[in-house]
Amino acid sequence: VKGRFTISRDNAKNTVYLQMNSLKPEDTAVYYCASTDTIR
């Protein structure tokens, strides 16, 4: 997805976004967001 997708966040709204451009049929899927507390 490099060069096509962009992840961003709005800390004040506790919201994360995924901008998906130049979509392809192989991008078809259920998309999930998830949280981790790992530093790396």
PDB file of all heavy atoms in Angstrom:
ATOM      1  N   VAL A   1       0.804  -1.219   0.000  1.00  0.00           N
ATOM      2  CA  VAL A   1       0.000   0.000   0.000  1.00  0.00           C
ATOM      3  C   VAL A   1       0.837   1.270   0.000  1.00  0.00           C
ATOM      4  O   VAL A   1       0.271   2.372  -0.060  1.00  0.00           O
ATOM      5  CB  VAL A   1      -0.980   0.036   1.190  1.00  0.00           C
ATOM      6  CG1 VAL A   1      -1.855  -1.215   1.198  1.00  0.00           C
ATOM      7  CG2 VAL A   1      -0.230   0.175   2.515  1.00  0.00           C
ATOM      8  N   LYS A   2       2.148   1.156   0.059  1.00  0.00           N
ATOM      9  CA  LYS A   2       3.009   2.334   0.061  1.00  0.00           C
ATOM     10  C   LYS A   2       2.768   3.187  -1.179  1.00  0.00           C
ATOM     11  O   LYS A   2       2.680   2.677  -2.290  1.00  0.00           O
ATOM     12  CB  LYS A   2       4.480   1.919   0.124  1.00  0.00           C
ATOM     13  CG  LYS A   2       4.946   1.460   1.480  1.00  0.00           C
ATOM     14  CD  LYS A   2       6.421   1.072   1.455  1.00  0.00           C
ATOM     15  CE  LYS A   2       6.886   0.585   2.811  1.00  0.00           C
ATOM     16  NZ  LYS A   2       8.296   0.112   2.780  1.00  0.00           N
ATOM     17  N   GLY A   3       2.661   4.481  -0.965  1.00  0.00           N
ATOM     18  CA  GLY A   3       2.417   5.405  -2.054  1.00  0.00           C
ATOM     19  C   GLY A   3       0.962   5.568  -2.424  1.00  0.00           C
ATOM     20  O   GLY A   3       0.621   6.481  -3.181  1.00  0.00           O
ATOM     21  N   ARG A   4       0.097   4.694  -1.912  1.00  0.00           N
ATOM     22  CA  ARG A   4      -1.328   4.761  -2.211  1.00  0.00           C
ATOM     23  C   ARG A   4      -2.178   5.084  -0.985  1.00  0.00           C
ATOM     24  O   ARG A   4      -3.172   5.797  -1.092  1.00  0.00           O
ATOM     25  CB  ARG A   4      -1.814   3.450  -2.825  1.00  0.00           C
ATOM     26  CG  ARG A   4      -1.120   3.079  -4.123  1.00  0.00           C
ATOM     27  CD  ARG A   4      -1.791   1.880  -4.786  1.00  0.00           C
ATOM     28  NE  ARG A   4      -1.759   0.689  -3.944  1.00  0.00           N
ATOM     29  CZ  ARG A   4      -2.841   0.033  -3.530  1.00  0.00           C
ATOM     30  NH1 ARG A   4      -4.054   0.450  -3.878  1.00  0.00           N
ATOM     31  NH2 ARG A   4      -2.710  -1.056  -2.773  1.00  0.00           N
ATOM     32  N   PHE A   5      -1.793   4.554   0.175  1.00  0.00           N
ATOM     33  CA  PHE A   5      -2.546   4.750   1.409  1.00  0.00           C
ATOM     34  C   PHE A   5      -1.791   5.704   2.329  1.00  0.00           C
ATOM     35  O   PHE A   5      -0.555   5.722   2.351  1.00  0.00           O
ATOM     36  CB  PHE A   5      -2.755   3.431   2.147  1.00  0.00           C
ATOM     37  CG  PHE A   5      -3.691   2.459   1.471  1.00  0.00           C
ATOM     38  CD1 PHE A   5      -4.142   2.665   0.181  1.00  0.00           C
ATOM     39  CD2 PHE A   5      -4.117   1.333   2.155  1.00  0.00           C
ATOM     40  CE1 PHE A   5      -4.998   1.770  -0.430  1.00  0.00           C
ATOM     41  CE2 PHE A   5      -4.976   0.427   1.555  1.00  0.00           C
ATOM     42  CZ  PHE A   5      -5.414   0.637   0.260  1.00  0.00           C
ATOM     43  N   THR A   6      -2.534   6.472   3.116  1.00  0.00           N
ATOM     44  CA  THR A   6      -1.955   7.369   4.100  1.00  0.00           C
ATOM     45  C   THR A   6      -2.704   7.227   5.416  1.00  0.00           C
ATOM     46  O   THR A   6      -3.929   7.395   5.460  1.00  0.00           O
ATOM     47  CB  THR A   6      -2.003   8.830   3.642  1.00  0.00           C
ATOM     48  OG1 THR A   6      -1.320   8.972   2.396  1.00  0.00           O
ATOM     49  CG2 THR A   6      -1.336   9.728   4.683  1.00  0.00           C
ATOM     50  N   ILE A   7      -1.989   6.924   6.487  1.00  0.00           N
ATOM     51  CA  ILE A   7      -2.583   6.854   7.810  1.00  0.00           C
ATOM     52  C   ILE A   7      -2.320   8.173   8.536  1.00  0.00           C
ATOM     53  O   ILE A   7      -1.242   8.755   8.418  1.00  0.00           O
ATOM     54  CB  ILE A   7      -2.039   5.651   8.615  1.00  0.00           C
ATOM     55  CG1 ILE A   7      -2.805   5.480   9.933  1.00  0.00           C
ATOM     56  CG2 ILE A   7      -0.546   5.775   8.866  1.00  0.00           C
ATOM     57  CD1 ILE A   7      -2.476   4.185  10.666  1.00  0.00           C
ATOM     58  N   SER A   8      -3.299   8.651   9.274  1.00  0.00           N
ATOM     59  CA  SER A   8      -3.166   9.885  10.030  1.00  0.00           C
ATOM     60  C   SER A   8      -4.010   9.787  11.293  1.00  0.00           C
ATOM     61  O   SER A   8      -4.793   8.854  11.453  1.00  0.00           O
ATOM     62  CB  SER A   8      -3.576  11.097   9.192  1.00  0.00           C
ATOM     63  OG  SER A   8      -4.930  11.008   8.794  1.00  0.00           O
ATOM     64  N   ARG A   9      -3.833  10.763  12.183  1.00  0.00           N
ATOM     65  CA  ARG A   9      -4.613  10.741  13.416  1.00  0.00           C
ATOM     66  C   ARG A   9      -4.961  12.145  13.868  1.00  0.00           C
ATOM     67  O   ARG A   9      -4.260  13.113  13.558  1.00  0.00           O
ATOM     68  CB  ARG A   9      -3.873   9.970  14.517  1.00  0.00           C
ATOM     69  CG  ARG A   9      -2.925  10.783  15.407  1.00  0.00           C
ATOM     70  CD  ARG A   9      -1.670  11.195  14.692  1.00  0.00           C
ATOM     71  NE  ARG A   9      -0.639  11.634  15.627  1.00  0.00           N
ATOM     72  CZ  ARG A   9       0.161  12.671  15.432  1.00  0.00           C
ATOM     73  NH1 ARG A   9       0.073  13.378  14.295  1.00  0.00           N
ATOM     74  NH2 ARG A   9       1.075  12.997  16.334  1.00  0.00           N
ATOM     75  N   ASP A  10      -6.061  12.250  14.598  1.00  0.00           N
ATOM     76  CA  ASP A  10      -6.498  13.471  15.243  1.00  0.00           C
ATOM     77  C   ASP A  10      -6.577  13.162  16.730  1.00  0.00           C
ATOM     78  O   ASP A  10      -7.545  12.558  17.195  1.00  0.00           O
ATOM     79  CB  ASP A  10      -7.849  13.927  14.695  1.00  0.00           C
ATOM     80  CG  ASP A  10      -8.281  15.275  15.241  1.00  0.00           C
ATOM     81  OD1 ASP A  10      -7.865  15.647  16.349  1.00  0.00           O
ATOM     82  OD2 ASP A  10      -9.055  15.964  14.550  1.00  0.00           O
ATOM     83  N   ASN A  11      -5.561  13.554  17.472  1.00  0.00           N
ATOM     84  CA  ASN A  11      -5.476  13.189  18.881  1.00  0.00           C
ATOM     85  C   ASN A  11      -6.639  13.768  19.694  1.00  0.00           C
ATOM     86  O   ASN A  11      -7.141  13.118  20.614  1.00  0.00           O
ATOM     87  CB  ASN A  11      -4.149  13.654  19.479  1.00  0.00           C
ATOM     88  CG  ASN A  11      -2.960  12.970  18.849  1.00  0.00           C
ATOM     89  OD1 ASN A  11      -2.627  13.225  17.688  1.00  0.00           O
ATOM     90  ND2 ASN A  11      -2.308  12.094  19.610  1.00  0.00           N
ATOM     91  N   ALA A  12      -7.060  14.984  19.369  1.00  0.00           N
ATOM     92  CA  ALA A  12      -8.146  15.614  20.108  1.00  0.00           C
ATOM     93  C   ALA A  12      -9.451  14.839  19.965  1.00  0.00           C
ATOM     94  O   ALA A  12     -10.284  14.849  20.867  1.00  0.00           O
ATOM     95  CB  ALA A  12      -8.331  17.055  19.650  1.00  0.00           C
ATOM     96  N   LYS A  13      -9.642  14.181  18.831  1.00  0.00           N
ATOM     97  CA  LYS A  13     -10.857  13.414  18.582  1.00  0.00           C
ATOM     98  C   LYS A  13     -10.689  11.924  18.829  1.00  0.00           C
ATOM     99  O   LYS A  13     -11.645  11.166  18.650  1.00  0.00           O
ATOM    100  CB  LYS A  13     -11.334  13.631  17.143  1.00  0.00           C
ATOM    101  CG  LYS A  13     -11.740  15.054  16.824  1.00  0.00           C
ATOM    102  CD  LYS A  13     -12.205  15.175  15.382  1.00  0.00           C
ATOM    103  CE  LYS A  13     -12.641  16.585  15.052  1.00  0.00           C
ATOM    104  NZ  LYS A  13     -13.076  16.712  13.637  1.00  0.00           N
ATOM    105  N   ASN A  14      -9.497  11.511  19.240  1.00  0.00           N
ATOM    106  CA  ASN A  14      -9.205  10.085  19.416  1.00  0.00           C
ATOM    107  C   ASN A  14      -9.607   9.287  18.180  1.00  0.00           C
ATOM    108  O   ASN A  14     -10.223   8.222  18.281  1.00  0.00           O
ATOM    109  CB  ASN A  14      -9.900   9.532  20.659  1.00  0.00           C
ATOM    110  CG  ASN A  14      -9.298  10.044  21.953  1.00  0.00           C
ATOM    111  OD1 ASN A  14      -8.094  10.271  22.043  1.00  0.00           O
ATOM    112  ND2 ASN A  14     -10.134  10.212  22.966  1.00  0.00           N
ATOM    113  N   THR A  15      -9.242   9.811  17.032  1.00  0.00           N
ATOM    114  CA  THR A  15      -9.651   9.218  15.768  1.00  0.00           C
ATOM    115  C   THR A  15      -8.447   9.019  14.859  1.00  0.00           C
ATOM    116  O   THR A  15      -7.582   9.897  14.767  1.00  0.00           O
ATOM    117  CB  THR A  15     -10.700  10.088  15.063  1.00  0.00           C
ATOM    118  OG1 THR A  15     -11.848  10.229  15.905  1.00  0.00           O
ATOM    119  CG2 THR A  15     -11.129   9.466  13.744  1.00  0.00           C
ATOM    120  N   VAL A  16      -8.413   7.875  14.203  1.00  0.00           N
ATOM    121  CA  VAL A  16      -7.384   7.539  13.231  1.00  0.00           C
ATOM    122  C   VAL A  16      -8.042   7.371  11.873  1.00  0.00           C
ATOM    123  O   VAL A  16      -9.161   6.848  11.773  1.00  0.00           O
ATOM    124  CB  VAL A  16      -6.629   6.261  13.640  1.00  0.00           C
ATOM    125  CG1 VAL A  16      -5.614   5.872  12.580  1.00  0.00           C
ATOM    126  CG2 VAL A  16      -5.934   6.465  14.980  1.00  0.00           C
ATOM    127  N   TYR A  17      -7.348   7.800  10.831  1.00  0.00           N
ATOM    128  CA  TYR A  17      -7.884   7.754   9.479  1.00  0.00           C
ATOM    129  C   TYR A  17      -6.974   6.925   8.577  1.00  0.00           C
ATOM    130  O   TYR A  17      -5.774   6.808   8.809  1.00  0.00           O
ATOM    131  CB  TYR A  17      -8.010   9.160   8.893  1.00  0.00           C
ATOM    132  CG  TYR A  17      -8.827  10.102   9.736  1.00  0.00           C
ATOM    133  CD1 TYR A  17      -8.220  10.941  10.659  1.00  0.00           C
ATOM    134  CD2 TYR A  17     -10.215  10.149   9.620  1.00  0.00           C
ATOM    135  CE1 TYR A  17      -8.965  11.803  11.440  1.00  0.00           C
ATOM    136  CE2 TYR A  17     -10.963  11.003  10.398  1.00  0.00           C
ATOM    137  CZ  TYR A  17     -10.339  11.833  11.300  1.00  0.00           C
ATOM    138  OH  TYR A  17     -11.087  12.688  12.077  1.00  0.00           O
ATOM    139  N   LEU A  18      -7.572   6.373   7.550  1.00  0.00           N
ATOM    140  CA  LEU A  18      -6.826   5.707   6.498  1.00  0.00           C
ATOM    141  C   LEU A  18      -7.347   6.210   5.162  1.00  0.00           C
ATOM    142  O   LEU A  18      -8.447   5.845   4.743  1.00  0.00           O
ATOM    143  CB  LEU A  18      -6.955   4.184   6.589  1.00  0.00           C
ATOM    144  CG  LEU A  18      -6.103   3.396   5.601  1.00  0.00           C
ATOM    145  CD1 LEU A  18      -4.623   3.552   5.932  1.00  0.00           C
ATOM    146  CD2 LEU A  18      -6.497   1.922   5.584  1.00  0.00           C
ATOM    147  N   GLN A  19      -6.566   7.071   4.527  1.00  0.00           N
ATOM    148  CA  GLN A  19      -6.901   7.566   3.202  1.00  0.00           C
ATOM    149  C   GLN A  19      -6.379   6.576   2.172  1.00  0.00           C
ATOM    150  O   GLN A  19      -5.180   6.310   2.124  1.00  0.00           O
ATOM    151  CB  GLN A  19      -6.288   8.946   2.968  1.00  0.00           C
ATOM    152  CG  GLN A  19      -6.557   9.528   1.588  1.00  0.00           C
ATOM    153  CD  GLN A  19      -8.009   9.850   1.362  1.00  0.00           C
ATOM    154  OE1 GLN A  19      -8.646  10.464   2.212  1.00  0.00           O
ATOM    155  NE2 GLN A  19      -8.553   9.438   0.218  1.00  0.00           N
ATOM    156  N   MET A  20      -7.270   6.041   1.358  1.00  0.00           N
ATOM    157  CA  MET A  20      -6.922   5.021   0.381  1.00  0.00           C
ATOM    158  C   MET A  20      -7.166   5.574  -1.014  1.00  0.00           C
ATOM    159  O   MET A  20      -8.303   5.869  -1.382  1.00  0.00           O
ATOM    160  CB  MET A  20      -7.736   3.746   0.606  1.00  0.00           C
ATOM    161  CG  MET A  20      -7.620   3.188   2.016  1.00  0.00           C
ATOM    162  SD  MET A  20      -8.503   1.616   2.227  1.00  0.00           S
ATOM    163  CE  MET A  20     -10.195   2.180   1.990  1.00  0.00           C
ATOM    164  N   ASN A  21      -6.101   5.717  -1.781  1.00  0.00           N
ATOM    165  CA  ASN A  21      -6.169   6.204  -3.153  1.00  0.00           C
ATOM    166  C   ASN A  21      -5.717   5.119  -4.121  1.00  0.00           C
ATOM    167  O   ASN A  21      -5.067   4.151  -3.735  1.00  0.00           O
ATOM    168  CB  ASN A  21      -5.298   7.448  -3.327  1.00  0.00           C
ATOM    169  CG  ASN A  21      -5.720   8.597  -2.449  1.00  0.00           C
ATOM    170  OD1 ASN A  21      -6.906   8.806  -2.203  1.00  0.00           O
ATOM    171  ND2 ASN A  21      -4.754   9.381  -1.984  1.00  0.00           N
ATOM    172  N   SER A  22      -6.042   5.314  -5.390  1.00  0.00           N
ATOM    173  CA  SER A  22      -5.653   4.370  -6.440  1.00  0.00           C
ATOM    174  C   SER A  22      -6.006   2.938  -6.060  1.00  0.00           C
ATOM    175  O   SER A  22      -5.197   2.021  -6.186  1.00  0.00           O
ATOM    176  CB  SER A  22      -4.154   4.497  -6.733  1.00  0.00           C
ATOM    177  OG  SER A  22      -3.822   5.811  -7.136  1.00  0.00           O
ATOM    178  N   LEU A  23      -7.219   2.751  -5.610  1.00  0.00           N
ATOM    179  CA  LEU A  23      -7.646   1.445  -5.114  1.00  0.00           C
ATOM    180  C   LEU A  23      -7.668   0.405  -6.225  1.00  0.00           C
ATOM    181  O   LEU A  23      -7.990   0.714  -7.374  1.00  0.00           O
ATOM    182  CB  LEU A  23      -9.016   1.553  -4.459  1.00  0.00           C
ATOM    183  CG  LEU A  23      -9.005   2.166  -3.061  1.00  0.00           C
ATOM    184  CD1 LEU A  23     -10.396   2.624  -2.657  1.00  0.00           C
ATOM    185  CD2 LEU A  23      -8.456   1.162  -2.048  1.00  0.00           C
ATOM    186  N   LYS A  24      -7.326  -0.817  -5.848  1.00  0.00           N
ATOM    187  CA  LYS A  24      -7.287  -1.955  -6.755  1.00  0.00           C
ATOM    188  C   LYS A  24      -8.232  -3.034  -6.250  1.00  0.00           C
ATOM    189  O   LYS A  24      -8.534  -3.084  -5.058  1.00  0.00           O
ATOM    190  CB  LYS A  24      -5.864  -2.522  -6.834  1.00  0.00           C
ATOM    191  CG  LYS A  24      -4.794  -1.510  -7.175  1.00  0.00           C
ATOM    192  CD  LYS A  24      -3.408  -2.131  -7.062  1.00  0.00           C
ATOM    193  CE  LYS A  24      -2.322  -1.129  -7.372  1.00  0.00           C
ATOM    194  NZ  LYS A  24      -0.969  -1.731  -7.227  1.00  0.00           N
ATOM    195  N   PRO A  25      -8.689  -3.919  -7.134  1.00  0.00           N
ATOM    196  CA  PRO A  25      -9.555  -5.016  -6.674  1.00  0.00           C
ATOM    197  C   PRO A  25      -8.937  -5.837  -5.556  1.00  0.00           C
ATOM    198  O   PRO A  25      -9.670  -6.320  -4.681  1.00  0.00           O
ATOM    199  CB  PRO A  25      -9.756  -5.853  -7.947  1.00  0.00           C
ATOM    200  CG  PRO A  25      -9.648  -4.870  -9.052  1.00  0.00           C
ATOM    201  CD  PRO A  25      -8.580  -3.890  -8.607  1.00  0.00           C
ATOM    202  N   GLU A  26      -7.632  -6.003  -5.547  1.00  0.00           N
ATOM    203  CA  GLU A  26      -6.982  -6.770  -4.499  1.00  0.00           C
ATOM    204  C   GLU A  26      -7.000  -6.075  -3.139  1.00  0.00           C
ATOM    205  O   GLU A  26      -6.612  -6.671  -2.135  1.00  0.00           O
ATOM    206  CB  GLU A  26      -5.536  -7.128  -4.879  1.00  0.00           C
ATOM    207  CG  GLU A  26      -4.714  -5.938  -5.344  1.00  0.00           C
ATOM    208  CD  GLU A  26      -4.641  -5.840  -6.860  1.00  0.00           C
ATOM    209  OE1 GLU A  26      -5.694  -5.980  -7.519  1.00  0.00           O
ATOM    210  OE2 GLU A  26      -3.531  -5.636  -7.388  1.00  0.00           O
ATOM    211  N   ASP A  27      -7.441  -4.817  -3.087  1.00  0.00           N
ATOM    212  CA  ASP A  27      -7.636  -4.130  -1.818  1.00  0.00           C
ATOM    213  C   ASP A  27      -8.958  -4.498  -1.161  1.00  0.00           C
ATOM    214  O   ASP A  27      -9.204  -4.103  -0.019  1.00  0.00           O
ATOM    215  CB  ASP A  27      -7.577  -2.613  -2.007  1.00  0.00           C
ATOM    216  CG  ASP A  27      -6.214  -2.132  -2.477  1.00  0.00           C
ATOM    217  OD1 ASP A  27      -5.195  -2.627  -1.956  1.00  0.00           O
ATOM    218  OD2 ASP A  27      -6.171  -1.255  -3.359  1.00  0.00           O
ATOM    219  N   THR A  28      -9.808  -5.225  -1.870  1.00  0.00           N
ATOM    220  CA  THR A  28     -11.101  -5.622  -1.326  1.00  0.00           C
ATOM    221  C   THR A  28     -10.914  -6.483  -0.086  1.00  0.00           C
ATOM    222  O   THR A  28     -10.241  -7.510  -0.124  1.00  0.00           O
ATOM    223  CB  THR A  28     -11.916  -6.381  -2.378  1.00  0.00           C
ATOM    224  OG1 THR A  28     -12.220  -5.505  -3.465  1.00  0.00           O
ATOM    225  CG2 THR A  28     -13.215  -6.897  -1.784  1.00  0.00           C
ATOM    226  N   ALA A  29     -11.511  -6.064   1.022  1.00  0.00           N
ATOM    227  CA  ALA A  29     -11.366  -6.766   2.292  1.00  0.00           C
ATOM    228  C   ALA A  29     -12.206  -6.065   3.347  1.00  0.00           C
ATOM    229  O   ALA A  29     -12.717  -4.967   3.127  1.00  0.00           O
ATOM    230  CB  ALA A  29      -9.900  -6.803   2.738  1.00  0.00           C
ATOM    231  N   VAL A  30     -12.335  -6.710   4.498  1.00  0.00           N
ATOM    232  CA  VAL A  30     -12.833  -6.043   5.689  1.00  0.00           C
ATOM    233  C   VAL A  30     -11.646  -5.384   6.367  1.00  0.00           C
ATOM    234  O   VAL A  30     -10.634  -6.038   6.634  1.00  0.00           O
ATOM    235  CB  VAL A  30     -13.532  -7.013   6.653  1.00  0.00           C
ATOM    236  CG1 VAL A  30     -13.963  -6.291   7.922  1.00  0.00           C
ATOM    237  CG2 VAL A  30     -14.733  -7.661   5.975  1.00  0.00           C
ATOM    238  N   TYR A  31     -11.759  -4.100   6.638  1.00  0.00           N
ATOM    239  CA  TYR A  31     -10.678  -3.336   7.247  1.00  0.00           C
ATOM    240  C   TYR A  31     -10.966  -3.126   8.725  1.00  0.00           C
ATOM    241  O   TYR A  31     -12.060  -2.710   9.111  1.00  0.00           O
ATOM    242  CB  TYR A  31     -10.502  -1.994   6.542  1.00  0.00           C
ATOM    243  CG  TYR A  31      -9.780  -2.120   5.221  1.00  0.00           C
ATOM    244  CD1 TYR A  31     -10.399  -2.711   4.129  1.00  0.00           C
ATOM    245  CD2 TYR A  31      -8.472  -1.666   5.072  1.00  0.00           C
ATOM    246  CE1 TYR A  31      -9.730  -2.856   2.915  1.00  0.00           C
ATOM    247  CE2 TYR A  31      -7.804  -1.795   3.870  1.00  0.00           C
ATOM    248  CZ  TYR A  31      -8.438  -2.392   2.795  1.00  0.00           C
ATOM    249  OH  TYR A  31      -7.767  -2.519   1.595  1.00  0.00           O
ATOM    250  N   TYR A  32      -9.969  -3.411   9.557  1.00  0.00           N
ATOM    251  CA  TYR A  32     -10.075  -3.292  10.998  1.00  0.00           C
ATOM    252  C   TYR A  32      -9.039  -2.308  11.532  1.00  0.00           C
ATOM    253  O   TYR A  32      -7.909  -2.279  11.051  1.00  0.00           O
ATOM    254  CB  TYR A  32      -9.813  -4.636  11.684  1.00  0.00           C
ATOM    255  CG  TYR A  32     -10.751  -5.751  11.298  1.00  0.00           C
ATOM    256  CD1 TYR A  32     -10.474  -6.574  10.216  1.00  0.00           C
ATOM    257  CD2 TYR A  32     -11.900  -5.995  12.034  1.00  0.00           C
ATOM    258  CE1 TYR A  32     -11.321  -7.612   9.866  1.00  0.00           C
ATOM    259  CE2 TYR A  32     -12.757  -7.031  11.693  1.00  0.00           C
ATOM    260  CZ  TYR A  32     -12.457  -7.836  10.607  1.00  0.00           C
ATOM    261  OH  TYR A  32     -13.304  -8.865  10.275  1.00  0.00           O
ATOM    262  N   CYS A  33      -9.411  -1.538  12.532  1.00  0.00           N
ATOM    263  CA  CYS A  33      -8.426  -0.780  13.278  1.00  0.00           C
ATOM    264  C   CYS A  33      -8.174  -1.475  14.607  1.00  0.00           C
ATOM    265  O   CYS A  33      -9.021  -2.210  15.115  1.00  0.00           O
ATOM    266  CB  CYS A  33      -8.855   0.677  13.496  1.00  0.00           C
ATOM    267  SG  CYS A  33     -10.303   0.915  14.540  1.00  0.00           S
ATOM    268  N   ALA A  34      -6.991  -1.263  15.162  1.00  0.00           N
ATOM    269  CA  ALA A  34      -6.591  -1.936  16.386  1.00  0.00           C
ATOM    270  C   ALA A  34      -5.589  -1.080  17.139  1.00  0.00           C
ATOM    271  O   ALA A  34      -4.932  -0.210  16.565  1.00  0.00           O
ATOM    272  CB  ALA A  34      -5.985  -3.306  16.070  1.00  0.00           C
ATOM    273  N   SER A  35      -5.467  -1.356  18.440  1.00  0.00           N
ATOM    274  CA  SER A  35      -4.617  -0.580  19.324  1.00  0.00           C
ATOM    275  C   SER A  35      -3.578  -1.469  19.983  1.00  0.00           C
ATOM    276  O   SER A  35      -3.869  -2.603  20.372  1.00  0.00           O
ATOM    277  CB  SER A  35      -5.458   0.116  20.395  1.00  0.00           C
ATOM    278  OG  SER A  35      -4.643   0.755  21.356  1.00  0.00           O
ATOM    279  N   THR A  36      -2.362  -0.944  20.128  1.00  0.00           N
ATOM    280  CA  THR A  36      -1.296  -1.634  20.842  1.00  0.00           C
ATOM    281  C   THR A  36      -0.519  -0.629  21.681  1.00  0.00           C
ATOM    282  O   THR A  36      -0.413   0.545  21.305  1.00  0.00           O
ATOM    283  CB  THR A  36      -0.343  -2.359  19.876  1.00  0.00           C
ATOM    284  OG1 THR A  36       0.690  -3.014  20.625  1.00  0.00           O
ATOM    285  CG2 THR A  36       0.306  -1.385  18.898  1.00  0.00           C
ATOM    286  N   ASP A  37       0.011  -1.089  22.803  1.00  0.00           N
ATOM    287  CA  ASP A  37       0.815  -0.213  23.652  1.00  0.00           C
ATOM    288  C   ASP A  37       2.310  -0.480  23.515  1.00  0.00           C
ATOM    289  O   ASP A  37       3.101   0.002  24.323  1.00  0.00           O
ATOM    290  CB  ASP A  37       0.392  -0.324  25.120  1.00  0.00           C
ATOM    291  CG  ASP A  37       0.571  -1.722  25.696  1.00  0.00           C
ATOM    292  OD1 ASP A  37       1.049  -2.615  24.979  1.00  0.00           O
ATOM    293  OD2 ASP A  37       0.216  -1.912  26.880  1.00  0.00           O
ATOM    294  N   THR A  38       2.707  -1.222  22.511  1.00  0.00           N
ATOM    295  CA  THR A  38       4.122  -1.481  22.282  1.00  0.00           C
ATOM    296  C   THR A  38       4.807  -0.226  21.768  1.00  0.00           C
ATOM    297  O   THR A  38       4.253   0.530  20.973  1.00  0.00           O
ATOM    298  CB  THR A  38       4.341  -2.619  21.274  1.00  0.00           C
ATOM    299  OG1 THR A  38       3.757  -2.269  20.019  1.00  0.00           O
ATOM    300  CG2 THR A  38       3.720  -3.906  21.782  1.00  0.00           C
ATOM    301  N   ILE A  39       6.025  -0.010  22.240  1.00  0.00           N
ATOM    302  CA  ILE A  39       6.784   1.159  21.812  1.00  0.00           C
ATOM    303  C   ILE A  39       7.309   0.975  20.399  1.00  0.00           C
ATOM    304  O   ILE A  39       7.282   1.904  19.583  1.00  0.00           O
ATOM    305  CB  ILE A  39       7.938   1.446  22.794  1.00  0.00           C
ATOM    306  CG1 ILE A  39       7.382   1.780  24.177  1.00  0.00           C
ATOM    307  CG2 ILE A  39       8.816   2.575  22.272  1.00  0.00           C
ATOM    308  CD1 ILE A  39       8.451   1.967  25.244  1.00  0.00           C
ATOM    309  N   ARG A  40       7.775  -0.228  20.092  1.00  0.00           N
ATOM    310  CA  ARG A  40       8.279  -0.524  18.764  1.00  0.00           C
ATOM    311  C   ARG A  40       7.132  -0.819  17.804  1.00  0.00           C
ATOM    312  O   ARG A  40       6.031  -1.195  18.213  1.00  0.00           O
ATOM    313  CB  ARG A  40       9.232  -1.722  18.813  1.00  0.00           C
ATOM    314  CG  ARG A  40      10.418  -1.541  19.752  1.00  0.00           C
ATOM    315  CD  ARG A  40      11.257  -0.340  19.355  1.00  0.00           C
ATOM    316  NE  ARG A  40      11.695  -0.399  17.966  1.00  0.00           N
ATOM    317  CZ  ARG A  40      12.300   0.593  17.322  1.00  0.00           C
ATOM    318  NH1 ARG A  40      12.529   1.741  17.950  1.00  0.00           N
ATOM    319  NH2 ARG A  40      12.659   0.441  16.065  1.00  0.00           N
TER     320      ARG A  40
END
